[in-house]
Protein backbone atom coordinates (compact mmCIF):
# COMPACT_ATOMS: atom_id res chain seq x y z
CA UNK A 1 61.86 -165.77 -89.21
CA UNK A 2 61.38 -167.15 -92.80
CA UNK A 3 61.49 -170.68 -91.29
CA UNK A 4 58.58 -169.72 -88.95
CA UNK A 5 56.55 -168.35 -91.89
CA UNK A 6 57.26 -171.50 -93.92
CA UNK A 7 56.24 -173.89 -90.98
CA UNK A 8 53.08 -171.97 -90.21
CA UNK A 9 51.96 -171.89 -93.87
CA UNK A 10 52.61 -175.60 -94.25
CA UNK A 11 50.68 -176.17 -91.03
CA UNK A 12 47.65 -174.28 -92.39
CA UNK A 13 47.63 -176.42 -95.49
CA UNK A 14 47.17 -179.52 -93.28
CA UNK A 15 45.15 -177.99 -90.41
CA UNK A 16 42.29 -176.35 -92.37
CA UNK A 17 41.00 -179.49 -94.10
CA UNK A 18 41.48 -181.43 -90.89
CA UNK A 19 39.46 -178.82 -88.89
CA UNK A 20 36.71 -178.63 -91.50
CA UNK A 21 36.17 -182.38 -91.58
CA UNK A 22 36.34 -182.73 -87.80
CA UNK A 23 33.77 -179.96 -87.41
CA UNK A 24 31.57 -181.82 -89.86
CA UNK A 25 31.94 -185.04 -87.79
CA UNK A 26 31.02 -183.05 -84.76
CA UNK A 27 27.56 -182.06 -86.12
CA UNK A 28 26.79 -185.60 -87.10
CA UNK A 29 27.82 -187.08 -83.78
CA UNK A 30 26.16 -184.21 -81.79
CA UNK A 31 22.92 -185.38 -83.49
CA UNK A 32 23.61 -188.99 -82.40
CA UNK A 33 24.91 -190.51 -85.58
CA UNK A 34 28.48 -191.73 -85.80
CA UNK A 35 29.92 -190.85 -89.18
CA UNK A 36 32.81 -193.30 -89.93
CA UNK A 37 32.32 -192.58 -93.66
CA UNK A 38 34.30 -189.44 -93.57
CA UNK A 39 37.15 -190.85 -95.42
CA UNK A 40 34.79 -191.93 -98.28
CA UNK A 41 33.05 -188.59 -98.24
CA UNK A 42 36.32 -186.72 -98.40
CA UNK A 43 37.35 -189.01 -101.41
CA UNK A 44 34.15 -188.32 -103.28
CA UNK A 45 34.20 -184.59 -102.64
CA UNK A 46 37.84 -184.31 -103.70
CA UNK A 47 37.19 -186.43 -106.80
CA UNK A 48 34.29 -184.38 -108.10
CA UNK A 49 35.98 -180.96 -107.23
CA UNK A 50 39.20 -181.92 -108.78
CA UNK A 51 37.49 -183.45 -111.84
CA UNK A 52 35.78 -180.16 -112.37
CA UNK A 53 39.14 -178.27 -112.08
CA UNK A 54 40.56 -180.77 -114.52
CA UNK A 55 37.77 -180.49 -117.16
CA UNK A 56 37.59 -176.60 -116.98
CA UNK A 57 41.19 -175.90 -116.57
CA UNK A 58 41.66 -174.85 -120.17
CA UNK A 59 38.87 -172.35 -120.19
CA UNK A 60 38.44 -171.22 -116.54
CA UNK A 61 40.95 -170.50 -113.82
CA UNK A 62 41.54 -168.39 -110.63
CA UNK A 63 39.59 -168.24 -107.39
CA UNK A 64 36.23 -168.32 -109.04
CA UNK A 65 36.99 -171.79 -110.45
CA UNK A 66 38.10 -173.02 -107.03
CA UNK A 67 34.97 -171.63 -105.33
CA UNK A 68 32.67 -173.38 -107.79
CA UNK A 69 34.68 -176.60 -107.32
CA UNK A 70 34.16 -176.22 -103.59
CA UNK A 71 30.40 -175.99 -103.96
CA UNK A 72 30.45 -179.17 -106.23
CA UNK A 73 32.46 -180.93 -103.51
CA UNK A 74 30.05 -179.95 -100.85
CA UNK A 75 26.99 -181.03 -102.82
CA UNK A 76 28.80 -184.35 -103.61
CA UNK A 77 29.44 -184.95 -99.91
CA UNK A 78 25.86 -184.24 -99.06
CA UNK A 79 24.48 -186.59 -101.63
CA UNK A 80 26.98 -189.34 -100.55
CA UNK A 81 26.28 -188.87 -96.90
CA UNK A 82 22.47 -189.43 -97.57
CA UNK A 83 23.36 -193.03 -98.08
CA UNK A 84 24.79 -193.19 -94.55
CA UNK A 85 21.92 -191.19 -93.15
CA UNK A 86 19.27 -193.39 -94.63
CA UNK A 87 21.00 -196.63 -93.52
CA UNK A 88 21.52 -195.24 -90.00
CA UNK A 89 18.34 -193.41 -89.39
CA UNK A 90 15.61 -195.13 -91.45
CA UNK A 91 17.03 -198.71 -91.68
CA UNK A 92 18.51 -198.62 -88.07
CA UNK A 93 21.64 -200.30 -89.37
CA UNK A 94 24.89 -200.41 -87.56
CA UNK A 95 26.42 -197.03 -88.13
CA UNK A 96 30.04 -198.28 -88.10
CA UNK A 97 29.31 -200.89 -90.80
CA UNK A 98 27.44 -198.50 -92.87
CA UNK A 99 30.36 -195.88 -92.75
CA UNK A 100 32.89 -198.57 -93.41
CA UNK A 101 31.01 -199.80 -96.52
CA UNK A 102 30.91 -196.25 -97.95
CA UNK A 103 34.71 -195.91 -97.28
CA UNK A 104 35.24 -198.93 -99.32
CA UNK A 105 32.99 -197.96 -102.16
CA UNK A 106 34.19 -194.34 -102.62
CA UNK A 107 37.84 -194.88 -103.93
CA UNK A 108 36.71 -197.80 -106.17
CA UNK A 109 33.93 -195.56 -107.69
CA UNK A 110 36.40 -192.66 -108.19
CA UNK A 111 38.94 -194.85 -109.90
CA UNK A 112 36.28 -196.40 -112.12
CA UNK A 113 34.79 -193.13 -113.20
CA UNK A 114 38.18 -191.56 -113.80
CA UNK A 115 39.28 -194.35 -116.06
CA UNK A 116 36.08 -194.25 -118.00
CA UNK A 117 36.33 -190.40 -118.57
CA UNK A 118 40.03 -190.18 -119.31
CA UNK A 119 41.56 -193.66 -119.41
CA UNK A 120 43.76 -193.29 -116.23
CA UNK A 121 42.78 -193.11 -112.58
CA UNK A 122 44.85 -190.06 -111.75
CA UNK A 123 43.03 -186.83 -112.27
CA UNK A 124 45.42 -183.87 -112.88
CA UNK A 125 44.73 -180.20 -112.45
CA UNK A 126 46.47 -176.90 -112.76
CA UNK A 127 47.06 -175.24 -109.40
CA UNK A 128 46.46 -171.58 -110.14
CA UNK A 129 45.02 -170.85 -106.82
CA UNK A 130 47.90 -169.76 -104.49
CA UNK A 131 47.51 -166.09 -103.43
CA UNK A 132 51.11 -164.59 -103.53
CA UNK A 133 49.92 -161.71 -101.43
CA UNK A 134 46.53 -160.47 -100.39
CA UNK A 135 46.24 -156.84 -101.25
CA UNK A 136 46.94 -154.40 -98.39
CA UNK A 137 46.72 -157.22 -95.80
CA UNK A 138 49.82 -158.95 -97.27
CA UNK A 139 51.95 -155.82 -96.22
CA UNK A 140 51.07 -155.90 -92.49
CA UNK A 141 54.24 -156.57 -90.61
CA UNK A 142 54.56 -160.15 -89.27
CA UNK A 143 50.72 -161.01 -89.76
CA UNK A 144 51.03 -160.23 -93.47
CA UNK A 145 53.69 -162.87 -94.32
CA UNK A 146 52.14 -165.26 -91.77
CA UNK A 147 48.52 -165.25 -92.90
CA UNK A 148 48.17 -163.27 -96.04
CA UNK A 149 51.05 -164.32 -98.23
CA UNK A 150 51.44 -167.72 -100.17
CA UNK A 151 47.90 -168.54 -98.93
CA UNK A 152 44.86 -170.10 -100.37
CA UNK A 153 41.29 -168.76 -100.14
CA UNK A 154 40.40 -172.20 -98.61
CA UNK A 155 42.26 -171.14 -95.37
CA UNK A 156 39.89 -168.23 -94.95
CA UNK A 157 36.87 -170.29 -95.80
CA UNK A 158 38.04 -172.71 -93.05
CA UNK A 159 38.30 -169.88 -90.54
CA UNK A 160 34.76 -168.71 -91.43
CA UNK A 161 33.38 -172.31 -91.03
CA UNK A 162 34.99 -172.51 -87.62
CA UNK A 163 33.31 -169.40 -86.37
CA UNK A 164 29.92 -170.32 -87.97
CA UNK A 165 30.15 -173.71 -86.39
CA UNK A 166 30.57 -172.29 -82.93
CA UNK A 167 27.82 -169.73 -83.38
CA UNK A 168 25.45 -172.44 -84.82
CA UNK A 169 26.13 -175.01 -82.14
CA UNK A 170 25.97 -172.81 -79.04
CA UNK A 171 24.02 -169.67 -80.07
CA UNK A 172 21.08 -170.93 -82.05
CA UNK A 173 17.90 -172.92 -81.51
CA UNK A 174 19.12 -175.37 -84.24
CA UNK A 175 22.24 -176.05 -82.25
CA UNK A 176 20.46 -176.65 -78.93
CA UNK A 177 18.07 -179.02 -80.62
CA UNK A 178 20.87 -180.92 -82.33
CA UNK A 179 22.82 -181.31 -79.08
CA UNK A 180 19.65 -182.49 -77.25
CA UNK A 181 19.09 -185.22 -79.94
CA UNK A 182 22.60 -186.48 -79.31
CA UNK A 183 22.24 -186.49 -75.55
CA UNK A 184 18.72 -187.64 -74.96
CA UNK A 185 16.56 -188.09 -78.20
CA UNK A 186 13.57 -189.33 -76.18
CA UNK A 187 13.32 -186.05 -74.17
CA UNK A 188 13.99 -184.04 -77.31
CA UNK A 189 11.02 -185.88 -79.01
CA UNK A 190 8.92 -185.27 -76.06
CA UNK A 191 9.63 -181.57 -76.36
CA UNK A 192 8.34 -181.58 -79.91
CA UNK A 193 11.67 -181.80 -81.71
CA UNK A 194 11.70 -184.03 -84.87
CA UNK A 195 14.71 -186.24 -84.03
CA UNK A 196 15.03 -187.87 -87.41
CA UNK A 197 15.01 -184.52 -89.12
CA UNK A 198 17.78 -183.13 -86.77
CA UNK A 199 19.86 -186.32 -87.34
CA UNK A 200 19.50 -185.96 -91.09
CA UNK A 201 20.56 -182.29 -90.79
CA UNK A 202 23.60 -183.31 -88.75
CA UNK A 203 24.81 -185.96 -91.21
CA UNK A 204 24.17 -183.70 -94.16
CA UNK A 205 26.25 -180.95 -92.63
CA UNK A 206 29.03 -183.49 -92.00
CA UNK A 207 28.72 -184.49 -95.67
CA UNK A 208 29.03 -181.02 -96.96
CA UNK A 209 32.03 -180.20 -94.74
CA UNK A 210 33.62 -183.56 -95.42
CA UNK A 211 33.29 -183.16 -99.17
CA UNK A 212 34.76 -179.64 -98.90
CA UNK A 213 37.55 -180.90 -96.67
CA UNK A 214 38.58 -183.41 -99.34
CA UNK A 215 39.06 -180.69 -101.97
CA UNK A 216 40.73 -178.44 -99.48
CA UNK A 217 43.16 -181.10 -98.58
CA UNK A 218 44.11 -181.89 -102.21
CA UNK A 219 44.41 -178.44 -103.77
CA UNK A 220 47.29 -177.02 -101.66
CA UNK A 221 49.29 -180.14 -101.46
CA UNK A 222 49.17 -181.74 -104.88
CA UNK A 223 48.48 -181.26 -108.59
CA UNK A 224 46.56 -184.53 -109.15
CA UNK A 225 44.13 -186.77 -107.37
CA UNK A 226 44.44 -190.57 -107.13
CA UNK A 227 41.38 -191.55 -105.10
CA UNK A 228 43.25 -191.13 -101.82
CA UNK A 229 43.03 -188.58 -99.03
CA UNK A 230 45.91 -190.13 -96.90
CA UNK A 231 43.59 -191.31 -94.02
CA UNK A 232 42.52 -187.83 -93.30
CA UNK A 233 38.89 -188.87 -92.55
CA UNK A 234 40.06 -191.22 -89.77
CA UNK A 235 42.52 -188.62 -88.53
CA UNK A 236 39.65 -186.12 -88.42
CA UNK A 237 37.74 -188.62 -86.04
CA UNK A 238 40.89 -188.64 -83.81
CA UNK A 239 40.87 -184.91 -83.75
CA UNK A 240 37.12 -184.94 -82.85
CA UNK A 241 37.76 -187.23 -79.95
CA UNK A 242 40.85 -185.24 -78.87
CA UNK A 243 38.76 -182.09 -79.10
CA UNK A 244 35.92 -183.56 -76.95
CA UNK A 245 33.27 -182.70 -79.54
CA UNK A 246 33.75 -178.96 -78.99
CA UNK A 247 34.57 -176.36 -81.84
CA UNK A 248 37.40 -174.59 -79.97
CA UNK A 249 39.06 -177.67 -78.80
CA UNK A 250 38.75 -179.19 -82.25
CA UNK A 251 40.51 -176.05 -83.74
CA UNK A 252 43.38 -176.44 -81.27
CA UNK A 253 43.63 -180.15 -81.81
CA UNK A 254 43.59 -179.59 -85.59
CA UNK A 255 46.41 -177.12 -85.18
CA UNK A 256 48.48 -179.58 -83.23
CA UNK A 257 48.00 -182.41 -85.71
CA UNK A 258 48.51 -180.06 -88.65
CA UNK A 259 51.82 -179.04 -87.23
CA UNK A 260 52.88 -182.74 -86.91
CA UNK A 261 51.75 -183.32 -90.48
CA UNK A 262 53.67 -180.18 -91.72
CA UNK A 263 56.86 -181.32 -90.00
CA UNK A 264 56.54 -184.86 -91.48
CA UNK A 265 55.98 -183.43 -95.12
CA UNK A 266 58.23 -180.45 -95.07
CA UNK A 267 61.15 -181.41 -92.63
CA UNK A 268 63.72 -181.03 -95.43
CA UNK A 269 62.91 -177.31 -95.56
CA UNK A 270 63.51 -176.86 -91.92
CA UNK A 271 67.37 -176.55 -91.50
CA UNK A 272 67.42 -177.94 -87.86
CA UNK A 273 65.61 -181.17 -88.70
CA UNK A 274 67.22 -181.58 -92.08
CA UNK A 275 70.65 -181.48 -90.38
CA UNK A 276 69.78 -184.22 -87.81
CA UNK A 277 69.96 -186.81 -90.64
CA UNK A 278 66.95 -188.72 -89.42
CA UNK A 279 65.35 -190.99 -92.17
CA UNK A 280 62.29 -189.54 -93.84
CA UNK A 281 60.07 -192.39 -92.89
CA UNK A 282 60.46 -191.58 -89.20
CA UNK A 283 58.97 -188.18 -89.78
CA UNK A 284 56.10 -189.66 -91.79
CA UNK A 285 55.35 -192.02 -88.92
CA UNK A 286 55.29 -189.19 -86.21
CA UNK A 287 51.72 -187.84 -86.77
CA UNK A 288 50.10 -191.29 -86.58
CA UNK A 289 52.18 -192.39 -83.60
CA UNK A 290 51.22 -189.19 -81.81
CA UNK A 291 47.56 -189.85 -82.68
CA UNK A 292 47.66 -193.27 -81.02
CA UNK A 293 49.40 -191.82 -77.97
CA UNK A 294 46.90 -188.94 -77.63
CA UNK A 295 43.87 -191.19 -77.99
CA UNK A 296 45.25 -193.50 -75.22
CA UNK A 297 45.23 -190.63 -72.84
CA UNK A 298 42.17 -188.75 -73.88
CA UNK A 299 39.70 -191.54 -74.60
CA UNK A 300 39.35 -192.41 -70.98
CA UNK A 301 37.78 -189.04 -70.23
CA UNK A 302 35.65 -188.98 -73.25
CA UNK A 303 32.75 -186.59 -73.36
CA UNK A 304 30.97 -188.01 -76.34
CA UNK A 305 27.23 -187.43 -76.72
CA UNK A 306 25.43 -190.10 -74.69
CA UNK A 307 23.18 -191.31 -77.41
CA UNK A 308 25.59 -191.33 -80.32
CA UNK A 309 25.67 -194.64 -82.29
CA UNK A 310 22.32 -195.80 -80.80
CA UNK A 311 19.63 -196.01 -83.41
CA UNK A 312 16.63 -193.89 -82.32
CA UNK A 313 13.31 -195.63 -82.26
CA UNK A 314 10.34 -193.26 -81.85
CA UNK A 315 8.13 -195.92 -80.47
CA UNK A 316 10.61 -196.63 -77.56
CA UNK A 317 10.91 -194.62 -74.33
């Protein structure tokens, strides 16, 4: 049973940031804007959040410090995503090229600033955020060790974001308008919806969640940041496609890929896999091989928003 708890907890460490970032990408693409810049947004969000943790580590610690870092990461992601929004919406530029440029810029910027501030590119921080056991809830049989022991508050933040994403997308006027802009912006415009404003909102939400996802990815799995989020921004796009741009499907897709990543990273702690004697590089390859296989079989039946990636021109009908 301890192995089950271990695998599930490791899965959560990888699933939650993946789900958060994929949900952010969903909002952007539902508005009609492809956000390839998620890798760069995650990098920038993780960098500013971890830098805050590093600079305040001697005087401040605990969950309050992590929550403030999360807000900083979200704000950074929103500001950085504005570059993509302006290029894609106002300048009508190619959205893939715009996102790729930001992906190239982000790690270089993070390394440069880190070296200016502290002389080296790695930004260390003290991980004081793991919750050994949540009071009361941690003592619940089975669910306690599974969800409320050796956990991070970011796990619960991710669950809240999932619920809110579903409610906002399907139960609010904002969600209906956002989806209409991604499907038929001309019709949405004719109905009095400001398409540009909705697209900006979608990209900004993706920026906030992408920045948060960067921090949420780094904190449980490391004690330093080296301007790298291990391709999670691109993996989030694969999860988005696998999940067919729907929150519930994205959650299950994130769980699946999170499990694969957990096995790849913590196989030595799983007796059955450790005893097989398979080289470590094989396990590290598995999540990405499975990503390619899944995309091959799911991309044929893609239910992507019809107008995504097509610059909207208000003067055209």
